[in-house]
Amino acid sequence: MNTASVIVGIVILVFMIWLIVDAAGKPTWAWEAAGQNKTLYIVLFVIGIFCGIVGIIAGVIYLASVRPKVLAAGGGPPPTDSY
């Protein structure tokens, strides 16, 4: 292994950890309101720790498409169940 490979591996690892923390930090109701699956993305990011290309692809999709939807859906107060 050369230095460049180690640096790339560390960058991917840090990126995956940041994605996991970011996705997990968003409330589940916001994910549901956006029509997205929180568990799926967290699992993909965990897989990305071991298989970098899967995580990079999932991360790009998350940052470009899913995260903005979840943020927009989570902008208001959480929904309340009214009976």
N, C-alpha and C. Protein backbone atom coordinates (compact mmCIF):
# COMPACT_ATOMS: atom_id res chain seq x y z
N MET A 1 0.85 -1.20 0.00
CA MET A 1 0.00 0.00 0.00
C MET A 1 0.88 1.24 0.00
N ASN A 2 0.48 2.16 -0.81
CA ASN A 2 1.23 3.41 -0.80
C ASN A 2 0.45 4.47 -0.02
N THR A 3 1.08 5.59 0.17
CA THR A 3 0.50 6.66 0.99
C THR A 3 -0.81 7.16 0.40
N ALA A 4 -0.89 7.29 -0.92
CA ALA A 4 -2.11 7.79 -1.56
C ALA A 4 -3.30 6.87 -1.28
N SER A 5 -3.08 5.56 -1.33
CA SER A 5 -4.16 4.61 -1.05
C SER A 5 -4.66 4.74 0.38
N VAL A 6 -3.74 4.91 1.29
CA VAL A 6 -4.12 5.06 2.70
C VAL A 6 -4.93 6.33 2.90
N ILE A 7 -4.50 7.41 2.27
CA ILE A 7 -5.20 8.69 2.41
C ILE A 7 -6.61 8.60 1.81
N VAL A 8 -6.72 7.98 0.63
CA VAL A 8 -8.04 7.81 0.01
C VAL A 8 -8.94 6.96 0.91
N GLY A 9 -8.40 5.89 1.48
CA GLY A 9 -9.17 5.04 2.38
C GLY A 9 -9.66 5.79 3.60
N ILE A 10 -8.81 6.62 4.16
CA ILE A 10 -9.19 7.41 5.34
C ILE A 10 -10.26 8.42 4.98
N VAL A 11 -10.13 9.06 3.82
CA VAL A 11 -11.14 10.03 3.38
C VAL A 11 -12.49 9.36 3.18
N ILE A 12 -12.49 8.18 2.55
CA ILE A 12 -13.75 7.45 2.34
C ILE A 12 -14.36 7.05 3.68
N LEU A 13 -13.53 6.57 4.61
CA LEU A 13 -14.01 6.19 5.94
C LEU A 13 -14.65 7.37 6.66
N VAL A 14 -13.98 8.51 6.65
CA VAL A 14 -14.52 9.70 7.32
C VAL A 14 -15.82 10.15 6.65
N PHE A 15 -15.86 10.09 5.31
CA PHE A 15 -17.06 10.47 4.57
C PHE A 15 -18.23 9.56 4.94
N MET A 16 -17.98 8.25 5.03
CA MET A 16 -19.05 7.30 5.38
C MET A 16 -19.54 7.53 6.80
N ILE A 17 -18.64 7.78 7.71
CA ILE A 17 -19.03 8.04 9.10
C ILE A 17 -19.86 9.31 9.18
N TRP A 18 -19.45 10.36 8.45
CA TRP A 18 -20.22 11.61 8.44
C TRP A 18 -21.61 11.37 7.87
N LEU A 19 -21.71 10.59 6.79
CA LEU A 19 -23.01 10.30 6.19
C LEU A 19 -23.91 9.54 7.16
N ILE A 20 -23.33 8.57 7.87
CA ILE A 20 -24.11 7.79 8.85
C ILE A 20 -24.64 8.71 9.94
N VAL A 21 -23.79 9.55 10.49
CA VAL A 21 -24.20 10.47 11.55
C VAL A 21 -25.25 11.45 11.05
N ASP A 22 -25.04 11.97 9.84
CA ASP A 22 -25.99 12.93 9.27
C ASP A 22 -27.35 12.29 9.04
N ALA A 23 -27.36 11.12 8.42
CA ALA A 23 -28.63 10.45 8.13
C ALA A 23 -29.35 10.03 9.42
N ALA A 24 -28.59 9.50 10.37
CA ALA A 24 -29.20 9.06 11.63
C ALA A 24 -29.73 10.23 12.44
N GLY A 25 -29.16 11.41 12.26
CA GLY A 25 -29.58 12.58 13.02
C GLY A 25 -30.88 13.20 12.55
N LYS A 26 -31.32 12.82 11.37
CA LYS A 26 -32.59 13.37 10.86
C LYS A 26 -33.73 12.53 11.44
N PRO A 27 -34.81 13.18 11.86
CA PRO A 27 -35.91 12.42 12.47
C PRO A 27 -36.58 11.48 11.47
N THR A 28 -37.00 10.34 11.97
CA THR A 28 -37.63 9.33 11.12
C THR A 28 -38.88 9.88 10.44
N TRP A 29 -39.64 10.70 11.13
CA TRP A 29 -40.85 11.24 10.52
C TRP A 29 -40.53 12.11 9.32
N ALA A 30 -39.38 12.80 9.33
CA ALA A 30 -39.00 13.62 8.17
C ALA A 30 -38.66 12.73 6.98
N TRP A 31 -37.98 11.61 7.26
CA TRP A 31 -37.67 10.66 6.20
C TRP A 31 -38.97 10.12 5.60
N GLU A 32 -39.90 9.75 6.46
CA GLU A 32 -41.18 9.21 5.99
C GLU A 32 -41.96 10.25 5.20
N ALA A 33 -41.95 11.49 5.67
CA ALA A 33 -42.65 12.57 4.97
C ALA A 33 -42.03 12.82 3.59
N ALA A 34 -40.74 12.57 3.47
CA ALA A 34 -40.05 12.75 2.18
C ALA A 34 -40.18 11.52 1.29
N GLY A 35 -40.77 10.47 1.83
CA GLY A 35 -40.93 9.24 1.06
C GLY A 35 -39.63 8.47 0.87
N GLN A 36 -38.73 8.58 1.84
CA GLN A 36 -37.42 7.93 1.76
C GLN A 36 -37.26 6.93 2.90
N ASN A 37 -36.28 6.05 2.76
CA ASN A 37 -36.05 4.99 3.73
C ASN A 37 -34.75 5.24 4.49
N LYS A 38 -34.87 5.65 5.72
CA LYS A 38 -33.71 5.98 6.55
C LYS A 38 -32.80 4.77 6.76
N THR A 39 -33.39 3.64 7.09
CA THR A 39 -32.61 2.44 7.38
C THR A 39 -31.80 2.00 6.16
N LEU A 40 -32.40 2.07 4.98
CA LEU A 40 -31.70 1.67 3.76
C LEU A 40 -30.42 2.48 3.56
N TYR A 41 -30.52 3.78 3.71
CA TYR A 41 -29.34 4.62 3.48
C TYR A 41 -28.27 4.41 4.55
N ILE A 42 -28.68 4.23 5.78
CA ILE A 42 -27.69 3.97 6.83
C ILE A 42 -26.98 2.65 6.56
N VAL A 43 -27.72 1.63 6.16
CA VAL A 43 -27.11 0.33 5.83
C VAL A 43 -26.16 0.48 4.64
N LEU A 44 -26.55 1.22 3.62
CA LEU A 44 -25.67 1.43 2.47
C LEU A 44 -24.38 2.15 2.87
N PHE A 45 -24.49 3.09 3.79
CA PHE A 45 -23.29 3.80 4.24
C PHE A 45 -22.38 2.89 5.05
N VAL A 46 -22.97 2.02 5.86
CA VAL A 46 -22.16 1.06 6.62
C VAL A 46 -21.47 0.10 5.65
N ILE A 47 -22.19 -0.37 4.64
CA ILE A 47 -21.57 -1.22 3.62
C ILE A 47 -20.44 -0.46 2.92
N GLY A 48 -20.65 0.84 2.73
CA GLY A 48 -19.65 1.68 2.08
C GLY A 48 -18.34 1.75 2.84
N ILE A 49 -18.37 1.50 4.13
CA ILE A 49 -17.13 1.47 4.91
C ILE A 49 -16.25 0.33 4.43
N PHE A 50 -16.88 -0.78 4.04
CA PHE A 50 -16.13 -1.97 3.62
C PHE A 50 -15.98 -2.06 2.10
N CYS A 51 -16.90 -1.48 1.38
CA CYS A 51 -16.87 -1.49 -0.09
C CYS A 51 -17.09 -0.05 -0.54
N GLY A 52 -16.01 0.70 -0.65
CA GLY A 52 -16.05 2.14 -0.86
C GLY A 52 -16.92 2.61 -2.00
N ILE A 53 -16.93 1.91 -3.13
CA ILE A 53 -17.68 2.39 -4.29
C ILE A 53 -19.18 2.41 -4.01
N VAL A 54 -19.68 1.43 -3.28
CA VAL A 54 -21.10 1.40 -2.92
C VAL A 54 -21.43 2.62 -2.06
N GLY A 55 -20.59 2.90 -1.10
CA GLY A 55 -20.82 4.04 -0.23
C GLY A 55 -20.72 5.37 -0.95
N ILE A 56 -19.77 5.47 -1.87
CA ILE A 56 -19.61 6.72 -2.62
C ILE A 56 -20.83 6.98 -3.49
N ILE A 57 -21.31 5.95 -4.19
CA ILE A 57 -22.50 6.11 -5.03
C ILE A 57 -23.71 6.47 -4.17
N ALA A 58 -23.92 5.73 -3.07
CA ALA A 58 -25.04 6.03 -2.18
C ALA A 58 -24.91 7.42 -1.58
N GLY A 59 -23.68 7.82 -1.24
CA GLY A 59 -23.45 9.14 -0.67
C GLY A 59 -23.77 10.26 -1.63
N VAL A 60 -23.38 10.10 -2.88
CA VAL A 60 -23.67 11.12 -3.89
C VAL A 60 -25.18 11.23 -4.11
N ILE A 61 -25.86 10.09 -4.20
CA ILE A 61 -27.32 10.11 -4.36
C ILE A 61 -27.97 10.77 -3.15
N TYR A 62 -27.50 10.41 -1.96
CA TYR A 62 -28.05 10.98 -0.72
C TYR A 62 -27.87 12.50 -0.69
N LEU A 63 -26.66 12.96 -0.97
CA LEU A 63 -26.38 14.39 -0.89
C LEU A 63 -27.08 15.19 -1.98
N ALA A 64 -27.22 14.61 -3.18
CA ALA A 64 -27.80 15.33 -4.30
C ALA A 64 -29.32 15.31 -4.32
N SER A 65 -29.92 14.23 -3.82
CA SER A 65 -31.35 14.07 -3.99
C SER A 65 -32.12 13.84 -2.69
N VAL A 66 -31.66 12.89 -1.91
CA VAL A 66 -32.43 12.46 -0.73
C VAL A 66 -32.34 13.47 0.41
N ARG A 67 -31.14 13.90 0.75
CA ARG A 67 -30.96 14.81 1.88
C ARG A 67 -31.78 16.10 1.73
N PRO A 68 -31.76 16.74 0.53
CA PRO A 68 -32.60 17.95 0.40
C PRO A 68 -34.08 17.69 0.63
N LYS A 69 -34.58 16.53 0.19
CA LYS A 69 -35.98 16.19 0.41
C LYS A 69 -36.28 16.00 1.89
N VAL A 70 -35.38 15.31 2.58
CA VAL A 70 -35.57 15.05 4.01
C VAL A 70 -35.50 16.37 4.78
N LEU A 71 -34.56 17.24 4.42
CA LEU A 71 -34.46 18.53 5.09
C LEU A 71 -35.71 19.37 4.85
N ALA A 72 -36.22 19.36 3.63
CA ALA A 72 -37.44 20.13 3.33
C ALA A 72 -38.64 19.57 4.08
N ALA A 73 -38.74 18.25 4.14
CA ALA A 73 -39.86 17.63 4.84
C ALA A 73 -39.77 17.83 6.35
N GLY A 74 -38.56 17.96 6.86
CA GLY A 74 -38.36 18.12 8.29
C GLY A 74 -38.31 19.55 8.75
N GLY A 75 -38.64 20.48 7.86
CA GLY A 75 -38.54 21.90 8.19
C GLY A 75 -39.55 22.38 9.21
N GLY A 76 -40.66 21.72 9.27
CA GLY A 76 -41.70 22.13 10.21
C GLY A 76 -41.68 21.30 11.46
N PRO A 77 -42.66 21.50 12.30
CA PRO A 77 -42.74 20.70 13.53
C PRO A 77 -43.13 19.26 13.19
N PRO A 78 -42.79 18.34 14.06
CA PRO A 78 -43.16 16.94 13.81
C PRO A 78 -44.67 16.78 13.78
N PRO A 79 -45.15 15.87 12.95
CA PRO A 79 -46.61 15.68 12.91
C PRO A 79 -47.11 15.10 14.22
N THR A 80 -48.33 15.44 14.56
CA THR A 80 -48.95 14.91 15.77
C THR A 80 -50.09 14.01 15.36
N ASP A 81 -50.28 12.97 16.12
CA ASP A 81 -51.40 12.07 15.87
C ASP A 81 -52.63 12.65 16.55
N SER A 82 -53.61 13.01 15.77
CA SER A 82 -54.85 13.49 16.37
C SER A 82 -55.95 12.50 16.07
N TYR A 83 -56.66 12.18 17.12
CA TYR A 83 -57.72 11.18 17.01
C TYR A 83 -59.05 11.82 17.18
